[in-house]
Amino acid sequence: MASRSAAERRQALADLIAPGIEAHSLDVTSDTQVEAALRAIGRIDHLVFTARPEIQSKPFLEIDPEQAKSACDTKFWGQYRVIRHALRFLREDGSIVLTSGIAGDKVFRNSSTMAIINGATEALCKSLAVELAPVRVNAVSPGFVEPKTPSIVEYAKRFPSGRLASEDEIANAYIHLLEATYMMGVTMVVDGGARLI
């Protein structure tokens, strides 16, 4: 695992996931850090990207453009940057799983920045599935995942599923895409039917 805080949380991650897990410090907005982390990790079987930017939900005209750029640099350009560096380390029959999100497909007020990022991520997924083959490139597009505020919990009661997703349910989608050797360029929606209402 690699993230800004993974190295300092190594023991907590080991307790949560598995003993002996490797944890590396990595800021996906830095080419230097990406390259250093990948060299330390070495050969990669599968690359899963789940970085999430800090961005407030605000009307388009109230968003600080610099905040929007920073969110894009973390989630979209971060994925782009890591993939470019990681290809030298990724095995030929390996795979890449990106992360999109419900705002790329369903319109929500005050979510224009995430709509841009997630829409671009899904377009990148399809393009890279063609360009990087036989490496498989897919994406997961989660809906609303626990924990959330009471208002979102109440909203989720309107979904066909009637509830929010658990973290395990979203994780299973990533695992499925890692194992599904005939899926390429797919964005797997895991939202309990939220897009349908």
Protein backbone atom coordinates (compact mmCIF):
# COMPACT_ATOMS: atom_id res chain seq x y z
CA MET A 1 0.00 0.00 0.00
CA ALA A 2 1.19 3.48 -0.81
CA SER A 3 -0.27 6.79 0.28
CA ARG A 4 0.67 10.01 2.02
CA SER A 5 0.08 8.36 5.42
CA ALA A 6 0.57 4.63 4.75
CA ALA A 7 4.13 4.40 6.09
CA GLU A 8 3.26 5.98 9.43
CA ARG A 9 0.17 3.74 9.70
CA ARG A 10 1.99 0.52 8.82
CA GLN A 11 1.13 -1.31 12.04
CA ALA A 12 -2.54 -0.31 11.92
CA LEU A 13 -2.72 -1.49 8.30
CA ALA A 14 -1.02 -4.77 9.20
CA ASP A 15 -3.55 -5.33 12.00
CA LEU A 16 -6.43 -4.52 9.65
CA ILE A 17 -5.29 -6.37 6.52
CA ALA A 18 -2.42 -8.80 7.03
CA PRO A 19 0.88 -9.09 8.91
CA GLY A 20 3.91 -8.12 6.87
CA ILE A 21 2.08 -5.68 4.60
CA GLU A 22 4.41 -3.24 2.88
CA ALA A 23 3.51 0.42 3.34
CA HIS A 24 5.16 3.24 1.39
CA SER A 25 4.89 7.01 1.61
CA LEU A 26 3.64 8.47 -1.65
CA ASP A 27 2.22 11.79 -2.79
CA VAL A 28 0.61 11.10 -6.18
CA THR A 29 1.05 14.74 -7.20
CA SER A 30 4.85 14.34 -7.20
CA ASP A 31 6.66 12.57 -10.05
CA THR A 32 9.72 12.21 -7.83
CA GLN A 33 7.81 10.49 -5.02
CA VAL A 34 5.89 8.26 -7.44
CA GLU A 35 9.11 7.12 -9.08
CA ALA A 36 10.85 6.52 -5.73
CA ALA A 37 7.93 4.52 -4.32
CA LEU A 38 7.67 2.34 -7.42
CA ARG A 39 11.39 1.60 -7.36
CA ALA A 40 11.10 0.59 -3.70
CA ILE A 41 8.09 -1.64 -4.43
CA GLY A 42 9.55 -3.25 -7.54
CA ARG A 43 7.53 -5.66 -9.67
CA ILE A 44 3.75 -5.10 -9.65
CA ASP A 45 1.09 -7.70 -10.39
CA HIS A 46 -1.91 -5.37 -10.16
CA LEU A 47 -2.27 -1.62 -9.59
CA VAL A 48 -5.36 -0.32 -7.79
CA PHE A 49 -5.79 3.42 -7.47
CA THR A 50 -8.16 4.81 -4.81
CA ALA A 51 -6.81 8.27 -3.93
CA ARG A 52 -9.56 10.70 -2.97
CA PRO A 53 -9.17 14.47 -3.15
CA GLU A 54 -10.23 16.98 -0.54
CA ILE A 55 -12.94 19.09 -2.14
CA GLN A 56 -16.03 20.70 -0.65
CA SER A 57 -19.43 20.41 -2.31
CA LYS A 58 -20.22 23.95 -3.48
CA PRO A 59 -21.99 25.63 -6.38
CA PHE A 60 -19.76 25.99 -9.44
CA LEU A 61 -19.45 29.78 -9.08
CA GLU A 62 -18.40 29.47 -5.42
CA ILE A 63 -15.67 26.87 -5.83
CA ASP A 64 -12.12 28.15 -5.53
CA PRO A 65 -10.58 27.23 -8.91
CA GLU A 66 -7.30 26.40 -7.17
CA GLN A 67 -9.12 23.88 -4.97
CA ALA A 68 -10.70 22.34 -8.05
CA LYS A 69 -7.30 22.13 -9.76
CA SER A 70 -5.82 20.49 -6.66
CA ALA A 71 -8.61 17.90 -6.61
CA CYS A 72 -8.00 17.15 -10.29
CA ASP A 73 -4.26 16.86 -9.69
CA THR A 74 -4.82 14.33 -6.90
CA LYS A 75 -7.46 12.06 -8.37
CA PHE A 76 -7.30 12.36 -12.17
CA TRP A 77 -3.73 13.43 -12.85
CA GLY A 78 -2.58 11.30 -9.90
CA GLN A 79 -3.95 8.18 -11.61
CA TYR A 80 -2.50 9.34 -14.94
CA ARG A 81 0.91 10.02 -13.39
CA VAL A 82 1.14 6.75 -11.43
CA ILE A 83 0.17 4.64 -14.46
CA ARG A 84 2.81 6.26 -16.68
CA HIS A 85 5.52 5.49 -14.12
CA ALA A 86 4.15 2.07 -13.11
CA LEU A 87 4.05 0.49 -16.56
CA ARG A 88 7.77 -0.34 -16.40
CA PHE A 89 7.13 -2.37 -13.25
CA LEU A 90 3.77 -3.96 -14.16
CA ARG A 91 3.78 -7.50 -15.48
CA GLU A 92 2.44 -7.97 -19.02
CA ASP A 93 -0.63 -9.91 -17.92
CA GLY A 94 -1.27 -7.60 -14.98
CA SER A 95 -4.09 -5.13 -14.54
CA ILE A 96 -4.93 -1.61 -13.48
CA VAL A 97 -8.11 -0.62 -11.67
CA LEU A 98 -8.98 3.07 -11.47
CA THR A 99 -11.61 4.71 -9.28
CA SER A 100 -14.39 6.86 -10.68
CA GLY A 101 -17.57 7.66 -8.74
CA ILE A 102 -21.28 8.26 -8.97
CA ALA A 103 -20.87 11.98 -9.74
CA GLY A 104 -19.36 11.05 -13.11
CA ASP A 105 -22.69 9.57 -14.23
CA LYS A 106 -25.47 11.11 -12.12
CA VAL A 107 -25.87 14.85 -11.80
CA PHE A 108 -25.82 16.24 -8.27
CA ARG A 109 -25.95 19.92 -7.39
CA ASN A 110 -22.67 21.34 -6.14
CA SER A 111 -20.61 18.42 -7.49
CA SER A 112 -19.23 19.80 -10.75
CA THR A 113 -15.57 19.19 -9.86
CA MET A 114 -16.10 15.52 -9.05
CA ALA A 115 -18.28 15.16 -12.16
CA ILE A 116 -15.37 16.40 -14.28
CA ILE A 117 -12.82 14.18 -12.56
CA ASN A 118 -14.92 11.02 -12.61
CA GLY A 119 -16.06 11.51 -16.19
CA ALA A 120 -12.44 11.99 -17.27
CA THR A 121 -11.38 8.90 -15.32
CA GLU A 122 -13.94 6.73 -17.13
CA ALA A 123 -12.80 8.07 -20.50
CA LEU A 124 -9.17 7.38 -19.57
CA CYS A 125 -10.11 3.83 -18.56
CA LYS A 126 -11.53 3.05 -22.01
CA SER A 127 -8.66 4.65 -23.88
CA LEU A 128 -5.98 2.88 -21.86
CA ALA A 129 -7.76 -0.48 -22.16
CA VAL A 130 -7.10 -0.20 -25.90
CA GLU A 131 -3.65 1.40 -25.79
CA LEU A 132 -2.10 -0.66 -23.00
CA ALA A 133 -3.49 -4.11 -23.91
CA PRO A 134 -2.76 -6.87 -23.00
CA VAL A 135 -2.60 -5.07 -19.63
CA ARG A 136 -6.22 -4.91 -18.48
CA VAL A 137 -7.55 -1.50 -17.45
CA ASN A 138 -10.91 -1.17 -15.68
CA ALA A 139 -12.54 1.12 -13.13
CA VAL A 140 -14.84 0.91 -10.14
CA SER A 141 -17.53 3.58 -9.74
CA PRO A 142 -18.81 3.49 -6.16
CA GLY A 143 -21.99 5.16 -4.99
CA PHE A 144 -22.49 6.21 -1.37
CA VAL A 145 -20.38 4.21 1.10
CA GLU A 146 -20.59 3.97 4.89
CA PRO A 147 -20.08 5.94 7.03
CA LYS A 148 -22.07 9.01 5.94
CA THR A 149 -24.02 11.85 7.54
CA PRO A 150 -27.58 11.20 8.74
CA SER A 151 -29.00 13.10 5.74
CA ILE A 152 -27.17 10.79 3.30
CA VAL A 153 -28.27 7.71 5.28
CA GLU A 154 -31.86 8.92 4.94
CA TYR A 155 -31.38 9.61 1.21
CA ALA A 156 -30.04 6.06 0.73
CA LYS A 157 -33.38 4.65 1.87
CA ARG A 158 -34.73 5.72 -1.54
CA PHE A 159 -32.25 3.51 -3.42
CA PRO A 160 -33.48 0.14 -4.70
CA SER A 161 -31.07 -1.40 -2.17
CA GLY A 162 -32.51 0.81 0.58
CA ARG A 163 -29.13 1.48 2.17
CA LEU A 164 -25.53 2.63 1.84
CA ALA A 165 -22.78 0.28 0.66
CA SER A 166 -20.38 -1.32 3.11
CA GLU A 167 -16.66 -0.93 2.52
CA ASP A 168 -16.42 -4.69 1.93
CA GLU A 169 -19.02 -4.53 -0.85
CA ILE A 170 -16.96 -1.91 -2.67
CA ALA A 171 -13.70 -3.82 -2.06
CA ASN A 172 -15.27 -6.92 -3.63
CA ALA A 173 -15.74 -5.02 -6.89
CA TYR A 174 -12.00 -4.26 -7.07
CA ILE A 175 -11.16 -7.88 -6.34
CA HIS A 176 -13.56 -9.06 -9.04
CA LEU A 177 -11.91 -6.81 -11.64
CA LEU A 178 -8.47 -8.07 -10.64
CA GLU A 179 -9.61 -11.65 -11.20
CA ALA A 180 -11.86 -11.19 -14.26
CA THR A 181 -9.35 -11.77 -17.04
CA TYR A 182 -11.80 -11.05 -19.88
CA MET A 183 -13.00 -7.66 -18.61
CA MET A 184 -11.28 -4.68 -20.24
CA GLY A 185 -12.30 -1.02 -20.37
CA VAL A 186 -15.23 -1.62 -18.01
CA THR A 187 -16.48 0.78 -15.37
CA MET A 188 -18.16 -1.38 -12.73
CA VAL A 189 -20.97 0.50 -11.00
CA VAL A 190 -21.50 -0.42 -7.33
CA ASP A 191 -24.18 1.93 -6.05
CA GLY A 192 -27.18 -0.08 -4.84
CA GLY A 193 -29.21 1.41 -7.69
CA ALA A 194 -28.61 5.04 -6.66
CA ARG A 195 -28.17 6.10 -10.30
CA LEU A 196 -31.67 4.84 -11.10
CA ILE A 197 -33.58 7.32 -8.94
